[in-house]
Amino acid sequence: MATNLTRMDFVTRFAPSPTGRLHLGHAFSALTAYGAARAADGRFLDGRFLLRIEDIDQGRARPEFEAAILEDLAWLGSRGKSRCGASPSISPNMRACSMG
């Protein structure tokens, strides 16, 4: 018996603001989202982890904090190729990245 099952997307996200270094709560949230996406990636699901840098706090957001966030996530083990870009459907102050 043939089954017509199609792959479905399972997407998680982590959306820090680059106003400082990650703290323990950030690390827990990021690793939980990354782990869920990775665990879901299989035969019928495409698991994806999205990192969305939200710099809506223009007064405190800094490029060096964004770089530190990416470095910290790599250190925590959220490996994978990062593909980032602005989307016309989101605020110009946000960039979405797909990791792994």
Protein backbone atom coordinates (compact mmCIF):
# COMPACT_ATOMS: atom_id res chain seq x y z
CA MET A 1 0.00 0.00 0.00
CA ALA A 2 1.49 3.32 -1.08
CA THR A 3 1.34 6.28 1.24
CA ASN A 4 1.41 9.84 -0.03
CA LEU A 5 3.09 11.56 2.88
CA THR A 6 4.79 14.85 2.24
CA ARG A 7 7.54 16.46 4.25
CA MET A 8 6.47 19.19 6.62
CA ASP A 9 8.48 22.04 8.09
CA PHE A 10 9.10 22.08 11.83
CA VAL A 11 10.58 25.48 12.63
CA THR A 12 11.85 26.82 15.92
CA ARG A 13 13.37 30.22 16.56
CA PHE A 14 15.50 32.19 18.94
CA ALA A 15 15.25 35.99 18.76
CA PRO A 16 17.76 37.78 20.97
CA SER A 17 18.32 41.51 20.95
CA PRO A 18 21.99 42.47 20.51
CA THR A 19 22.08 44.65 23.61
CA GLY A 20 24.57 42.50 25.53
CA ARG A 21 26.03 39.03 25.88
CA LEU A 22 23.84 35.95 26.21
CA HIS A 23 22.91 34.90 29.72
CA LEU A 24 21.92 31.48 31.07
CA GLY A 25 18.24 31.95 30.18
CA HIS A 26 19.16 32.83 26.60
CA ALA A 27 21.40 29.77 26.38
CA PHE A 28 18.62 27.50 27.66
CA SER A 29 16.07 28.93 25.20
CA ALA A 30 18.46 28.73 22.24
CA LEU A 31 19.55 25.17 22.98
CA THR A 32 15.97 24.01 23.56
CA ALA A 33 14.84 25.46 20.22
CA TYR A 34 17.92 24.14 18.39
CA GLY A 35 17.56 20.68 19.93
CA ALA A 36 13.85 20.44 19.08
CA ALA A 37 14.49 21.39 15.45
CA ARG A 38 17.35 18.94 15.19
CA ALA A 39 15.34 16.13 16.80
CA ALA A 40 12.42 16.75 14.43
CA ASP A 41 14.60 16.61 11.32
CA GLY A 42 13.94 13.21 9.86
CA ARG A 43 11.96 11.25 7.34
CA PHE A 44 8.77 13.34 7.33
CA LEU A 45 9.84 16.60 8.95
CA ASP A 46 12.32 19.26 7.93
CA GLY A 47 13.57 20.64 11.23
CA ARG A 48 14.93 24.19 11.05
CA PHE A 49 16.26 26.53 13.71
CA LEU A 50 15.90 30.21 12.95
CA LEU A 51 17.96 32.87 14.61
CA ARG A 52 16.33 36.27 14.32
CA ILE A 53 18.45 39.18 15.51
CA GLU A 54 16.10 41.86 16.76
CA ASP A 55 17.76 45.23 17.03
CA ILE A 56 14.63 47.22 17.77
CA ASP A 57 16.36 48.79 20.78
CA GLN A 58 18.45 51.13 18.65
CA GLY A 59 19.88 52.93 21.67
CA ARG A 60 21.57 49.83 23.09
CA ALA A 61 21.99 47.46 20.10
CA ARG A 62 25.60 47.07 19.00
CA PRO A 63 27.22 45.10 16.15
CA GLU A 64 29.78 43.66 18.56
CA PHE A 65 26.95 42.16 20.65
CA GLU A 66 25.46 40.55 17.53
CA ALA A 67 28.86 39.03 16.72
CA ALA A 68 29.16 37.83 20.33
CA ILE A 69 25.72 36.18 20.15
CA LEU A 70 26.75 34.22 17.04
CA GLU A 71 30.04 33.26 18.69
CA ASP A 72 28.28 32.14 21.88
CA LEU A 73 25.75 30.05 19.96
CA ALA A 74 28.58 28.33 18.08
CA TRP A 75 30.34 27.65 21.39
CA LEU A 76 27.11 26.18 22.79
CA GLY A 77 27.00 23.75 19.87
CA SER A 78 24.29 25.14 17.60
CA ARG A 79 26.30 24.23 14.57
CA GLY A 80 25.33 24.50 10.98
CA LYS A 81 25.57 26.86 8.12
CA SER A 82 24.05 30.19 8.90
CA ARG A 83 22.09 31.89 6.15
CA CYS A 84 21.04 35.40 7.04
CA GLY A 85 19.17 38.07 5.22
CA ALA A 86 16.63 40.78 5.55
CA SER A 87 13.10 39.92 4.55
CA PRO A 88 10.66 42.44 3.13
CA SER A 89 7.96 40.87 5.29
CA ILE A 90 9.70 41.78 8.54
CA SER A 91 10.86 45.03 10.04
CA PRO A 92 14.03 46.47 8.51
CA ASN A 93 15.44 46.29 12.05
CA MET A 94 15.38 42.48 12.04
CA ARG A 95 17.42 39.91 10.18
CA ALA A 96 16.46 36.26 10.01
CA CYS A 97 19.08 33.52 9.97
CA SER A 98 18.54 29.85 9.38
CA MET A 99 21.10 27.68 11.14
CA GLY A 100 21.61 24.01 10.41
